[in-house]
Amino acid sequence: DDPSFDQLLKEAGVKDKKDHKPTLDKKSLSGDDIRRGMGSVAGRAAACYAGQQGTAAVKLTVGPTGQVQKVSVSGVFAGTPVGACVEAAVRGATFPAWDGGPQTISYSYLLQEK
């Protein structure tokens, strides 16, 4: 039985390509990626409404794995239970992974009676 091409490469000391971290075509998040990620938690953020209508201004940092690393709410809801609720909701957002550094995103949710 002839050795496989992969076997010959291994014997020649050529590293298996699977050892390398996959490079992603995506170099950053697109506007659509951001809208989808933030939209996926909009219902949870809206559920934070507690009688005071206003805009929860959210600033978040998303790591290249697509996970939210940091969230803060500014404006009328900063430092309030409603703001903390919105921060917790946004922490659950996920985004596609990309090949690059963390990205900071500003986004806002209008909190109002349904």
PDB file of N, CA and C in Angstrom:
ATOM      1  N   ASP A   1       0.847  -1.200   0.000  1.00  0.00           N
ATOM      2  CA  ASP A   1       0.000   0.000   0.000  1.00  0.00           C
ATOM      3  C   ASP A   1       0.882   1.249   0.000  1.00  0.00           C
ATOM      4  N   ASP A   2       0.666   2.125  -0.949  1.00  0.00           N
ATOM      5  CA  ASP A   2       1.459   3.356  -1.007  1.00  0.00           C
ATOM      6  C   ASP A   2       1.095   4.290   0.148  1.00  0.00           C
ATOM      7  N   PRO A   3       2.079   4.991   0.718  1.00  0.00           N
ATOM      8  CA  PRO A   3       1.751   5.954   1.784  1.00  0.00           C
ATOM      9  C   PRO A   3       0.937   7.114   1.204  1.00  0.00           C
ATOM     10  N   SER A   4       0.062   7.656   2.034  1.00  0.00           N
ATOM     11  CA  SER A   4      -0.772   8.775   1.564  1.00  0.00           C
ATOM     12  C   SER A   4       0.077  10.038   1.430  1.00  0.00           C
ATOM     13  N   PHE A   5      -0.430  10.983   0.708  1.00  0.00           N
ATOM     14  CA  PHE A   5       0.254  12.264   0.517  1.00  0.00           C
ATOM     15  C   PHE A   5       0.487  12.930   1.877  1.00  0.00           C
ATOM     16  N   ASP A   6      -0.545  12.906   2.752  1.00  0.00           N
ATOM     17  CA  ASP A   6      -0.425  13.495   4.086  1.00  0.00           C
ATOM     18  C   ASP A   6       0.676  12.817   4.881  1.00  0.00           C
ATOM     19  N   GLN A   7       0.774  11.486   4.757  1.00  0.00           N
ATOM     20  CA  GLN A   7       1.805  10.720   5.470  1.00  0.00           C
ATOM     21  C   GLN A   7       3.195  11.140   4.986  1.00  0.00           C
ATOM     22  N   LEU A   8       3.327  11.294   3.661  1.00  0.00           N
ATOM     23  CA  LEU A   8       4.614  11.719   3.092  1.00  0.00           C
ATOM     24  C   LEU A   8       4.992  13.117   3.596  1.00  0.00           C
ATOM     25  N   LEU A   9       4.009  14.024   3.661  1.00  0.00           N
ATOM     26  CA  LEU A   9       4.270  15.379   4.160  1.00  0.00           C
ATOM     27  C   LEU A   9       4.745  15.334   5.610  1.00  0.00           C
ATOM     28  N   LYS A  10       4.080  14.500   6.429  1.00  0.00           N
ATOM     29  CA  LYS A  10       4.461  14.369   7.840  1.00  0.00           C
ATOM     30  C   LYS A  10       5.897  13.866   7.955  1.00  0.00           C
ATOM     31  N   GLU A  11       6.218  12.849   7.169  1.00  0.00           N
ATOM     32  CA  GLU A  11       7.569  12.285   7.207  1.00  0.00           C
ATOM     33  C   GLU A  11       8.608  13.301   6.747  1.00  0.00           C
ATOM     34  N   ALA A  12       8.214  14.187   5.858  1.00  0.00           N
ATOM     35  CA  ALA A  12       9.126  15.213   5.356  1.00  0.00           C
ATOM     36  C   ALA A  12       9.233  16.384   6.348  1.00  0.00           C
ATOM     37  N   GLY A  13       8.463  16.339   7.427  1.00  0.00           N
ATOM     38  CA  GLY A  13       8.519  17.390   8.433  1.00  0.00           C
ATOM     39  C   GLY A  13       7.616  18.578   8.133  1.00  0.00           C
ATOM     40  N   VAL A  14       6.744  18.414   7.151  1.00  0.00           N
ATOM     41  CA  VAL A  14       5.796  19.491   6.838  1.00  0.00           C
ATOM     42  C   VAL A  14       4.651  19.411   7.838  1.00  0.00           C
ATOM     43  N   LYS A  15       4.408  20.533   8.506  1.00  0.00           N
ATOM     44  CA  LYS A  15       3.364  20.550   9.539  1.00  0.00           C
ATOM     45  C   LYS A  15       1.976  20.398   8.920  1.00  0.00           C
ATOM     46  N   ASP A  16       1.133  19.707   9.655  1.00  0.00           N
ATOM     47  CA  ASP A  16      -0.265  19.575   9.252  1.00  0.00           C
ATOM     48  C   ASP A  16      -0.911  20.960   9.367  1.00  0.00           C
ATOM     49  N   LYS A  17      -1.595  21.384   8.334  1.00  0.00           N
ATOM     50  CA  LYS A  17      -2.206  22.718   8.343  1.00  0.00           C
ATOM     51  C   LYS A  17      -3.254  22.884   9.453  1.00  0.00           C
ATOM     52  N   LYS A  18      -3.826  21.792   9.921  1.00  0.00           N
ATOM     53  CA  LYS A  18      -4.863  21.881  10.951  1.00  0.00           C
ATOM     54  C   LYS A  18      -4.315  22.421  12.275  1.00  0.00           C
ATOM     55  N   ASP A  19      -2.993  22.419  12.434  1.00  0.00           N
ATOM     56  CA  ASP A  19      -2.390  22.929  13.665  1.00  0.00           C
ATOM     57  C   ASP A  19      -2.484  24.450  13.758  1.00  0.00           C
ATOM     58  N   HIS A  20      -2.608  25.100  12.616  1.00  0.00           N
ATOM     59  CA  HIS A  20      -2.632  26.564  12.616  1.00  0.00           C
ATOM     60  C   HIS A  20      -4.016  27.074  13.005  1.00  0.00           C
ATOM     61  N   LYS A  21      -4.006  28.233  13.703  1.00  0.00           N
ATOM     62  CA  LYS A  21      -5.270  28.873  14.046  1.00  0.00           C
ATOM     63  C   LYS A  21      -5.937  29.273  12.730  1.00  0.00           C
ATOM     64  N   PRO A  22      -7.203  28.952  12.567  1.00  0.00           N
ATOM     65  CA  PRO A  22      -7.843  29.304  11.296  1.00  0.00           C
ATOM     66  C   PRO A  22      -7.872  30.823  11.140  1.00  0.00           C
ATOM     67  N   THR A  23      -7.548  31.308   9.972  1.00  0.00           N
ATOM     68  CA  THR A  23      -7.665  32.744   9.746  1.00  0.00           C
ATOM     69  C   THR A  23      -9.063  32.977   9.207  1.00  0.00           C
ATOM     70  N   LEU A  24      -9.677  33.986   9.747  1.00  0.00           N
ATOM     71  CA  LEU A  24     -11.049  34.281   9.359  1.00  0.00           C
ATOM     72  C   LEU A  24     -11.041  35.352   8.279  1.00  0.00           C
ATOM     73  N   ASP A  25     -11.949  35.220   7.328  1.00  0.00           N
ATOM     74  CA  ASP A  25     -12.054  36.218   6.260  1.00  0.00           C
ATOM     75  C   ASP A  25     -12.528  37.550   6.825  1.00  0.00           C
ATOM     76  N   LYS A  26     -13.338  37.457   7.879  1.00  0.00           N
ATOM     77  CA  LYS A  26     -13.918  38.657   8.471  1.00  0.00           C
ATOM     78  C   LYS A  26     -12.840  39.382   9.280  1.00  0.00           C
ATOM     79  N   LYS A  27     -12.620  40.667   8.972  1.00  0.00           N
ATOM     80  CA  LYS A  27     -11.594  41.461   9.667  1.00  0.00           C
ATOM     81  C   LYS A  27     -12.217  42.382  10.719  1.00  0.00           C
ATOM     82  N   SER A  28     -13.507  42.567  10.659  1.00  0.00           N
ATOM     83  CA  SER A  28     -14.208  43.392  11.644  1.00  0.00           C
ATOM     84  C   SER A  28     -15.701  43.120  11.517  1.00  0.00           C
ATOM     85  N   LEU A  29     -16.471  43.648  12.456  1.00  0.00           N
ATOM     86  CA  LEU A  29     -17.923  43.471  12.400  1.00  0.00           C
ATOM     87  C   LEU A  29     -18.527  44.463  11.415  1.00  0.00           C
ATOM     88  N   SER A  30     -19.480  44.002  10.635  1.00  0.00           N
ATOM     89  CA  SER A  30     -20.186  44.896   9.707  1.00  0.00           C
ATOM     90  C   SER A  30     -21.376  45.514  10.443  1.00  0.00           C
ATOM     91  N   GLY A  31     -21.966  46.506   9.851  1.00  0.00           N
ATOM     92  CA  GLY A  31     -23.177  47.118  10.416  1.00  0.00           C
ATOM     93  C   GLY A  31     -24.276  46.077  10.600  1.00  0.00           C
ATOM     94  N   ASP A  32     -24.394  45.172   9.636  1.00  0.00           N
ATOM     95  CA  ASP A  32     -25.408  44.109   9.735  1.00  0.00           C
ATOM     96  C   ASP A  32     -25.123  43.179  10.908  1.00  0.00           C
ATOM     97  N   ASP A  33     -23.845  42.829  11.099  1.00  0.00           N
ATOM     98  CA  ASP A  33     -23.472  41.965  12.226  1.00  0.00           C
ATOM     99  C   ASP A  33     -23.889  42.624  13.538  1.00  0.00           C
ATOM    100  N   ILE A  34     -23.627  43.923  13.643  1.00  0.00           N
ATOM    101  CA  ILE A  34     -23.937  44.669  14.868  1.00  0.00           C
ATOM    102  C   ILE A  34     -25.443  44.722  15.080  1.00  0.00           C
ATOM    103  N   ARG A  35     -26.185  45.060  14.010  1.00  0.00           N
ATOM    104  CA  ARG A  35     -27.658  45.122  14.135  1.00  0.00           C
ATOM    105  C   ARG A  35     -28.236  43.776  14.545  1.00  0.00           C
ATOM    106  N   ARG A  36     -27.720  42.688  13.935  1.00  0.00           N
ATOM    107  CA  ARG A  36     -28.226  41.358  14.285  1.00  0.00           C
ATOM    108  C   ARG A  36     -27.902  41.006  15.739  1.00  0.00           C
ATOM    109  N   GLY A  37     -26.651  41.254  16.137  1.00  0.00           N
ATOM    110  CA  GLY A  37     -26.234  40.934  17.507  1.00  0.00           C
ATOM    111  C   GLY A  37     -27.027  41.712  18.540  1.00  0.00           C
ATOM    112  N   MET A  38     -27.162  43.008  18.307  1.00  0.00           N
ATOM    113  CA  MET A  38     -27.881  43.855  19.260  1.00  0.00           C
ATOM    114  C   MET A  38     -29.391  43.591  19.181  1.00  0.00           C
ATOM    115  N   GLY A  39     -29.867  43.279  17.988  1.00  0.00           N
ATOM    116  CA  GLY A  39     -31.290  42.962  17.811  1.00  0.00           C
ATOM    117  C   GLY A  39     -31.686  41.686  18.531  1.00  0.00           C
ATOM    118  N   SER A  40     -30.721  40.756  18.643  1.00  0.00           N
ATOM    119  CA  SER A  40     -31.020  39.470  19.284  1.00  0.00           C
ATOM    120  C   SER A  40     -31.326  39.629  20.779  1.00  0.00           C
ATOM    121  N   VAL A  41     -30.886  40.738  21.381  1.00  0.00           N
ATOM    122  CA  VAL A  41     -31.153  40.956  22.808  1.00  0.00           C
ATOM    123  C   VAL A  41     -32.081  42.150  23.044  1.00  0.00           C
ATOM    124  N   ALA A  42     -32.628  42.708  21.960  1.00  0.00           N
ATOM    125  CA  ALA A  42     -33.499  43.885  22.080  1.00  0.00           C
ATOM    126  C   ALA A  42     -34.706  43.607  22.969  1.00  0.00           C
ATOM    127  N   GLY A  43     -35.288  42.414  22.842  1.00  0.00           N
ATOM    128  CA  GLY A  43     -36.456  42.060  23.660  1.00  0.00           C
ATOM    129  C   GLY A  43     -36.101  42.031  25.130  1.00  0.00           C
ATOM    130  N   ARG A  44     -34.922  41.491  25.452  1.00  0.00           N
ATOM    131  CA  ARG A  44     -34.490  41.439  26.851  1.00  0.00           C
ATOM    132  C   ARG A  44     -34.200  42.840  27.376  1.00  0.00           C
ATOM    133  N   ALA A  45     -33.606  43.690  26.524  1.00  0.00           N
ATOM    134  CA  ALA A  45     -33.324  45.072  26.929  1.00  0.00           C
ATOM    135  C   ALA A  45     -34.637  45.831  27.143  1.00  0.00           C
ATOM    136  N   ALA A  46     -35.600  45.645  26.231  1.00  0.00           N
ATOM    137  CA  ALA A  46     -36.894  46.335  26.335  1.00  0.00           C
ATOM    138  C   ALA A  46     -37.655  45.902  27.588  1.00  0.00           C
ATOM    139  N   ALA A  47     -37.443  44.656  28.010  1.00  0.00           N
ATOM    140  CA  ALA A  47     -38.114  44.133  29.207  1.00  0.00           C
ATOM    141  C   ALA A  47     -37.611  44.818  30.483  1.00  0.00           C
ATOM    142  N   CYS A  48     -36.523  45.592  30.374  1.00  0.00           N
ATOM    143  CA  CYS A  48     -35.969  46.313  31.529  1.00  0.00           C
ATOM    144  C   CYS A  48     -36.781  47.570  31.850  1.00  0.00           C
ATOM    145  N   TYR A  49     -37.682  47.958  30.943  1.00  0.00           N
ATOM    146  CA  TYR A  49     -38.504  49.159  31.158  1.00  0.00           C
ATOM    147  C   TYR A  49     -39.215  49.058  32.503  1.00  0.00           C
ATOM    148  N   ALA A  50     -39.079  50.120  33.309  1.00  0.00           N
ATOM    149  CA  ALA A  50     -39.677  50.090  34.653  1.00  0.00           C
ATOM    150  C   ALA A  50     -40.467  51.355  34.949  1.00  0.00           C
ATOM    151  N   GLY A  51     -41.113  51.911  33.927  1.00  0.00           N
ATOM    152  CA  GLY A  51     -41.972  53.062  34.169  1.00  0.00           C
ATOM    153  C   GLY A  51     -41.397  54.382  33.696  1.00  0.00           C
ATOM    154  N   GLN A  52     -40.091  54.463  33.519  1.00  0.00           N
ATOM    155  CA  GLN A  52     -39.478  55.695  33.040  1.00  0.00           C
ATOM    156  C   GLN A  52     -39.064  55.515  31.592  1.00  0.00           C
ATOM    157  N   GLN A  53     -39.723  56.278  30.692  1.00  0.00           N
ATOM    158  CA  GLN A  53     -39.364  56.177  29.281  1.00  0.00           C
ATOM    159  C   GLN A  53     -38.043  56.903  29.055  1.00  0.00           C
ATOM    160  N   GLY A  54     -37.227  56.370  28.201  1.00  0.00           N
ATOM    161  CA  GLY A  54     -35.971  57.032  27.871  1.00  0.00           C
ATOM    162  C   GLY A  54     -35.095  56.136  27.025  1.00  0.00           C
ATOM    163  N   THR A  55     -33.960  56.686  26.648  1.00  0.00           N
ATOM    164  CA  THR A  55     -33.023  55.949  25.819  1.00  0.00           C
ATOM    165  C   THR A  55     -31.880  55.432  26.676  1.00  0.00           C
ATOM    166  N   ALA A  56     -31.648  54.140  26.589  1.00  0.00           N
ATOM    167  CA  ALA A  56     -30.498  53.534  27.255  1.00  0.00           C
ATOM    168  C   ALA A  56     -29.363  53.527  26.239  1.00  0.00           C
ATOM    169  N   ALA A  57     -28.384  54.404  26.456  1.00  0.00           N
ATOM    170  CA  ALA A  57     -27.225  54.481  25.564  1.00  0.00           C
ATOM    171  C   ALA A  57     -26.204  53.462  26.044  1.00  0.00           C
ATOM    172  N   VAL A  58     -25.891  52.515  25.173  1.00  0.00           N
ATOM    173  CA  VAL A  58     -25.020  51.399  25.548  1.00  0.00           C
ATOM    174  C   VAL A  58     -23.692  51.518  24.800  1.00  0.00           C
ATOM    175  N   LYS A  59     -22.612  51.330  25.533  1.00  0.00           N
ATOM    176  CA  LYS A  59     -21.293  51.248  24.897  1.00  0.00           C
ATOM    177  C   LYS A  59     -20.749  49.879  25.268  1.00  0.00           C
ATOM    178  N   LEU A  60     -20.363  49.106  24.256  1.00  0.00           N
ATOM    179  CA  LEU A  60     -19.855  47.777  24.549  1.00  0.00           C
ATOM    180  C   LEU A  60     -18.596  47.493  23.767  1.00  0.00           C
ATOM    181  N   THR A  61     -17.785  46.626  24.327  1.00  0.00           N
ATOM    182  CA  THR A  61     -16.580  46.169  23.643  1.00  0.00           C
ATOM    183  C   THR A  61     -16.778  44.689  23.356  1.00  0.00           C
ATOM    184  N   VAL A  62     -16.608  44.331  22.087  1.00  0.00           N
ATOM    185  CA  VAL A  62     -16.775  42.944  21.655  1.00  0.00           C
ATOM    186  C   VAL A  62     -15.402  42.415  21.250  1.00  0.00           C
ATOM    187  N   GLY A  63     -15.050  41.266  21.804  1.00  0.00           N
ATOM    188  CA  GLY A  63     -13.772  40.642  21.461  1.00  0.00           C
ATOM    189  C   GLY A  63     -13.873  39.913  20.135  1.00  0.00           C
ATOM    190  N   PRO A  64     -12.734  39.607  19.527  1.00  0.00           N
ATOM    191  CA  PRO A  64     -12.730  38.947  18.217  1.00  0.00           C
ATOM    192  C   PRO A  64     -13.351  37.551  18.219  1.00  0.00           C
ATOM    193  N   THR A  65     -13.609  36.990  19.423  1.00  0.00           N
ATOM    194  CA  THR A  65     -14.306  35.703  19.479  1.00  0.00           C
ATOM    195  C   THR A  65     -15.800  35.887  19.269  1.00  0.00           C
ATOM    196  N   GLY A  66     -16.264  37.164  19.307  1.00  0.00           N
ATOM    197  CA  GLY A  66     -17.688  37.444  19.152  1.00  0.00           C
ATOM    198  C   GLY A  66     -18.401  37.595  20.485  1.00  0.00           C
ATOM    199  N   GLN A  67     -17.665  37.454  21.584  1.00  0.00           N
ATOM    200  CA  GLN A  67     -18.261  37.587  22.916  1.00  0.00           C
ATOM    201  C   GLN A  67     -18.128  39.026  23.410  1.00  0.00           C
ATOM    202  N   VAL A  68     -19.140  39.487  24.140  1.00  0.00           N
ATOM    203  CA  VAL A  68     -19.116  40.831  24.719  1.00  0.00           C
ATOM    204  C   VAL A  68     -18.141  40.823  25.899  1.00  0.00           C
ATOM    205  N   GLN A  69     -17.180  41.746  25.883  1.00  0.00           N
ATOM    206  CA  GLN A  69     -16.178  41.815  26.950  1.00  0.00           C
ATOM    207  C   GLN A  69     -16.545  42.844  28.013  1.00  0.00           C
ATOM    208  N   LYS A  70     -17.154  43.949  27.584  1.00  0.00           N
ATOM    209  CA  LYS A  70     -17.433  45.041  28.505  1.00  0.00           C
ATOM    210  C   LYS A  70     -18.690  45.764  28.050  1.00  0.00           C
ATOM    211  N   VAL A  71     -19.527  46.173  28.998  1.00  0.00           N
ATOM    212  CA  VAL A  71     -20.755  46.907  28.679  1.00  0.00           C
ATOM    213  C   VAL A  71     -20.938  48.020  29.687  1.00  0.00           C
ATOM    214  N   SER A  72     -21.329  49.199  29.220  1.00  0.00           N
ATOM    215  CA  SER A  72     -21.732  50.247  30.154  1.00  0.00           C
ATOM    216  C   SER A  72     -22.896  51.018  29.549  1.00  0.00           C
ATOM    217  N   VAL A  73     -23.812  51.446  30.421  1.00  0.00           N
ATOM    218  CA  VAL A  73     -24.963  52.237  29.998  1.00  0.00           C
ATOM    219  C   VAL A  73     -24.729  53.661  30.487  1.00  0.00           C
ATOM    220  N   SER A  74     -24.906  54.624  29.587  1.00  0.00           N
ATOM    221  CA  SER A  74     -24.781  56.027  29.979  1.00  0.00           C
ATOM    222  C   SER A  74     -26.132  56.710  29.781  1.00  0.00           C
ATOM    223  N   GLY A  75     -26.209  57.964  30.168  1.00  0.00           N
ATOM    224  CA  GLY A  75     -27.462  58.691  30.026  1.00  0.00           C
ATOM    225  C   GLY A  75     -28.339  58.523  31.255  1.00  0.00           C
ATOM    226  N   VAL A  76     -29.656  58.694  31.078  1.00  0.00           N
ATOM    227  CA  VAL A  76     -30.584  58.712  32.218  1.00  0.00           C
ATOM    228  C   VAL A  76     -30.574  57.423  33.030  1.00  0.00           C
ATOM    229  N   PHE A  77     -30.193  56.302  32.413  1.00  0.00           N
ATOM    230  CA  PHE A  77     -30.252  55.018  33.122  1.00  0.00           C
ATOM    231  C   PHE A  77     -28.900  54.596  33.706  1.00  0.00           C
ATOM    232  N   ALA A  78     -27.869  55.448  33.571  1.00  0.00           N
ATOM    233  CA  ALA A  78     -26.536  55.116  34.107  1.00  0.00           C
ATOM    234  C   ALA A  78     -26.630  54.937  35.624  1.00  0.00           C
ATOM    235  N   GLY A  79     -26.073  53.850  36.119  1.00  0.00           N
ATOM    236  CA  GLY A  79     -26.033  53.624  37.561  1.00  0.00           C
ATOM    237  C   GLY A  79     -27.371  53.281  38.205  1.00  0.00           C
ATOM    238  N   THR A  80     -28.371  52.954  37.392  1.00  0.00           N
ATOM    239  CA  THR A  80     -29.691  52.608  37.931  1.00  0.00           C
ATOM    240  C   THR A  80     -29.941  51.110  37.759  1.00  0.00           C
ATOM    241  N   PRO A  81     -30.933  50.577  38.489  1.00  0.00           N
ATOM    242  CA  PRO A  81     -31.289  49.163  38.274  1.00  0.00           C
ATOM    243  C   PRO A  81     -31.686  48.880  36.821  1.00  0.00           C
ATOM    244  N   VAL A  82     -32.347  49.850  36.177  1.00  0.00           N
ATOM    245  CA  VAL A  82     -32.736  49.678  34.771  1.00  0.00           C
ATOM    246  C   VAL A  82     -31.475  49.577  33.903  1.00  0.00           C
ATOM    247  N   GLY A  83     -30.505  50.445  34.166  1.00  0.00           N
ATOM    248  CA  GLY A  83     -29.243  50.408  33.427  1.00  0.00           C
ATOM    249  C   GLY A  83     -28.527  49.085  33.616  1.00  0.00           C
ATOM    250  N   ALA A  84     -28.514  48.582  34.859  1.00  0.00           N
ATOM    251  CA  ALA A  84     -27.877  47.295  35.159  1.00  0.00           C
ATOM    252  C   ALA A  84     -28.591  46.165  34.421  1.00  0.00           C
ATOM    253  N   CYS A  85     -29.900  46.266  34.323  1.00  0.00           N
ATOM    254  CA  CYS A  85     -30.708  45.265  33.620  1.00  0.00           C
ATOM    255  C   CYS A  85     -30.351  45.261  32.128  1.00  0.00           C
ATOM    256  N   VAL A  86     -30.236  46.455  31.538  1.00  0.00           N
ATOM    257  CA  VAL A  86     -29.884  46.568  30.118  1.00  0.00           C
ATOM    258  C   VAL A  86     -28.469  46.024  29.894  1.00  0.00           C
ATOM    259  N   GLU A  87     -27.538  46.352  30.806  1.00  0.00           N
ATOM    260  CA  GLU A  87     -26.164  45.835  30.678  1.00  0.00           C
ATOM    261  C   GLU A  87     -26.163  44.308  30.689  1.00  0.00           C
ATOM    262  N   ALA A  88     -26.941  43.728  31.597  1.00  0.00           N
ATOM    263  CA  ALA A  88     -27.012  42.261  31.679  1.00  0.00           C
ATOM    264  C   ALA A  88     -27.591  41.671  30.393  1.00  0.00           C
ATOM    265  N   ALA A  89     -28.605  42.331  29.838  1.00  0.00           N
ATOM    266  CA  ALA A  89     -29.220  41.861  28.591  1.00  0.00           C
ATOM    267  C   ALA A  89     -28.193  41.892  27.453  1.00  0.00           C
ATOM    268  N   VAL A  90     -27.465  43.001  27.347  1.00  0.00           N
ATOM    269  CA  VAL A  90     -26.501  43.182  26.256  1.00  0.00           C
ATOM    270  C   VAL A  90     -25.327  42.210  26.384  1.00  0.00           C
ATOM    271  N   ARG A  91     -24.959  41.869  27.621  1.00  0.00           N
ATOM    272  CA  ARG A  91     -23.865  40.906  27.821  1.00  0.00           C
ATOM    273  C   ARG A  91     -24.171  39.567  27.144  1.00  0.00           C
ATOM    274  N   GLY A  92     -25.444  39.268  26.945  1.00  0.00           N
ATOM    275  CA  GLY A  92     -25.855  38.018  26.312  1.00  0.00           C
ATOM    276  C   GLY A  92     -25.782  38.042  24.794  1.00  0.00           C
ATOM    277  N   ALA A  93     -25.485  39.200  24.210  1.00  0.00           N
ATOM    278  CA  ALA A  93     -25.410  39.307  22.745  1.00  0.00           C
ATOM    279  C   ALA A  93     -24.173  38.562  22.239  1.00  0.00           C
ATOM    280  N   THR A  94     -24.303  37.929  21.081  1.00  0.00           N
ATOM    281  CA  THR A  94     -23.138  37.303  20.464  1.00  0.00           C
ATOM    282  C   THR A  94     -23.006  37.797  19.034  1.00  0.00           C
ATOM    283  N   PHE A  95     -21.800  37.829  18.573  1.00  0.00           N
ATOM    284  CA  PHE A  95     -21.474  38.337  17.247  1.00  0.00           C
ATOM    285  C   PHE A  95     -20.591  37.317  16.542  1.00  0.00           C
ATOM    286  N   PRO A  96     -20.504  37.399  15.213  1.00  0.00           N
ATOM    287  CA  PRO A  96     -19.604  36.478  14.506  1.00  0.00           C
ATOM    288  C   PRO A  96     -18.148  36.761  14.905  1.00  0.00           C
ATOM    289  N   ALA A  97     -17.329  35.746  14.918  1.00  0.00           N
ATOM    290  CA  ALA A  97     -15.906  35.936  15.224  1.00  0.00           C
ATOM    291  C   ALA A  97     -15.225  36.600  14.030  1.00  0.00           C
ATOM    292  N   TRP A  98     -14.123  37.298  14.295  1.00  0.00           N
ATOM    293  CA  TRP A  98     -13.365  37.907  13.213  1.00  0.00           C
ATOM    294  C   TRP A  98     -11.884  37.871  13.558  1.00  0.00           C
ATOM    295  N   ASP A  99     -11.087  38.170  12.561  1.00  0.00           N
ATOM    296  CA  ASP A  99      -9.641  38.157  12.701  1.00  0.00           C
ATOM    297  C   ASP A  99      -9.184  39.601  12.903  1.00  0.00           C
ATOM    298  N   GLY A 100      -8.987  40.006  14.152  1.00  0.00           N
ATOM    299  CA  GLY A 100      -8.595  41.386  14.439  1.00  0.00           C
ATOM    300  C   GLY A 100      -8.729  41.672  15.919  1.00  0.00           C
ATOM    301  N   GLY A 101      -8.658  42.932  16.267  1.00  0.00           N
ATOM    302  CA  GLY A 101      -8.736  43.343  17.664  1.00  0.00           C
ATOM    303  C   GLY A 101     -10.166  43.565  18.107  1.00  0.00           C
ATOM    304  N   PRO A 102     -10.358  43.823  19.411  1.00  0.00           N
ATOM    305  CA  PRO A 102     -11.702  44.101  19.936  1.00  0.00           C
ATOM    306  C   PRO A 102     -12.306  45.339  19.270  1.00  0.00           C
ATOM    307  N   GLN A 103     -13.610  45.368  19.188  1.00  0.00           N
ATOM    308  CA  GLN A 103     -14.309  46.517  18.620  1.00  0.00           C
ATOM    309  C   GLN A 103     -15.232  47.118  19.661  1.00  0.00           C
ATOM    310  N   THR A 104     -15.263  48.455  19.704  1.00  0.00           N
ATOM    311  CA  THR A 104     -16.165  49.153  20.613  1.00  0.00           C
ATOM    312  C   THR A 104     -17.354  49.646  19.798  1.00  0.00           C
ATOM    313  N   ILE A 105     -18.538  49.409  20.335  1.00  0.00           N
ATOM    314  CA  ILE A 105     -19.782  49.722  19.631  1.00  0.00           C
ATOM    315  C   ILE A 105     -20.640  50.603  20.534  1.00  0.00           C
ATOM    316  N   SER A 106     -21.239  51.625  19.957  1.00  0.00           N
ATOM    317  CA  SER A 106     -22.233  52.415  20.683  1.00  0.00           C
ATOM    318  C   SER A 106     -23.589  52.087  20.072  1.00  0.00           C
ATOM    319  N   TYR A 107     -24.558  51.899  20.929  1.00  0.00           N
ATOM    320  CA  TYR A 107     -25.889  51.489  20.466  1.00  0.00           C
ATOM    321  C   TYR A 107     -26.896  52.032  21.469  1.00  0.00           C
ATOM    322  N   SER A 108     -28.126  52.245  21.050  1.00  0.00           N
ATOM    323  CA  SER A 108     -29.110  52.689  22.033  1.00  0.00           C
ATOM    324  C   SER A 108     -30.425  51.960  21.862  1.00  0.00           C
ATOM    325  N   TYR A 109     -31.067  51.775  22.997  1.00  0.00           N
ATOM    326  CA  TYR A 109     -32.396  51.156  23.037  1.00  0.00           C
ATOM    327  C   TYR A 109     -33.368  52.161  23.629  1.00  0.00           C
ATOM    328  N   LEU A 110     -34.502  52.320  22.964  1.00  0.00           N
ATOM    329  CA  LEU A 110     -35.560  53.157  23.523  1.00  0.00           C
ATOM    330  C   LEU A 110     -36.389  52.286  24.456  1.00  0.00           C
ATOM    331  N   LEU A 111     -36.444  52.674  25.711  1.00  0.00           N
ATOM    332  CA  LEU A 111     -37.251  51.925  26.675  1.00  0.00           C
ATOM    333  C   LEU A 111     -38.556  52.687  26.845  1.00  0.00           C
ATOM    334  N   GLN A 112     -39.663  52.003  26.607  1.00  0.00           N
ATOM    335  CA  GLN A 112     -40.970  52.641  26.715  1.00  0.00           C
ATOM    336  C   GLN A 112     -42.036  51.604  26.980  1.00  0.00           C
ATOM    337  N   GLU A 113     -43.198  52.121  27.394  1.00  0.00           N
ATOM    338  CA  GLU A 113     -44.311  51.221  27.673  1.00  0.00           C
ATOM    339  C   GLU A 113     -44.737  50.553  26.384  1.00  0.00           C
ATOM    340  N   LYS A 114     -45.064  49.267  26.475  1.00  0.00           N
ATOM    341  CA  LYS A 114     -45.467  48.538  25.259  1.00  0.00           C
ATOM    342  C   LYS A 114     -46.930  48.800  24.969  1.00  0.00           C
TER     343      LYS A 114
END
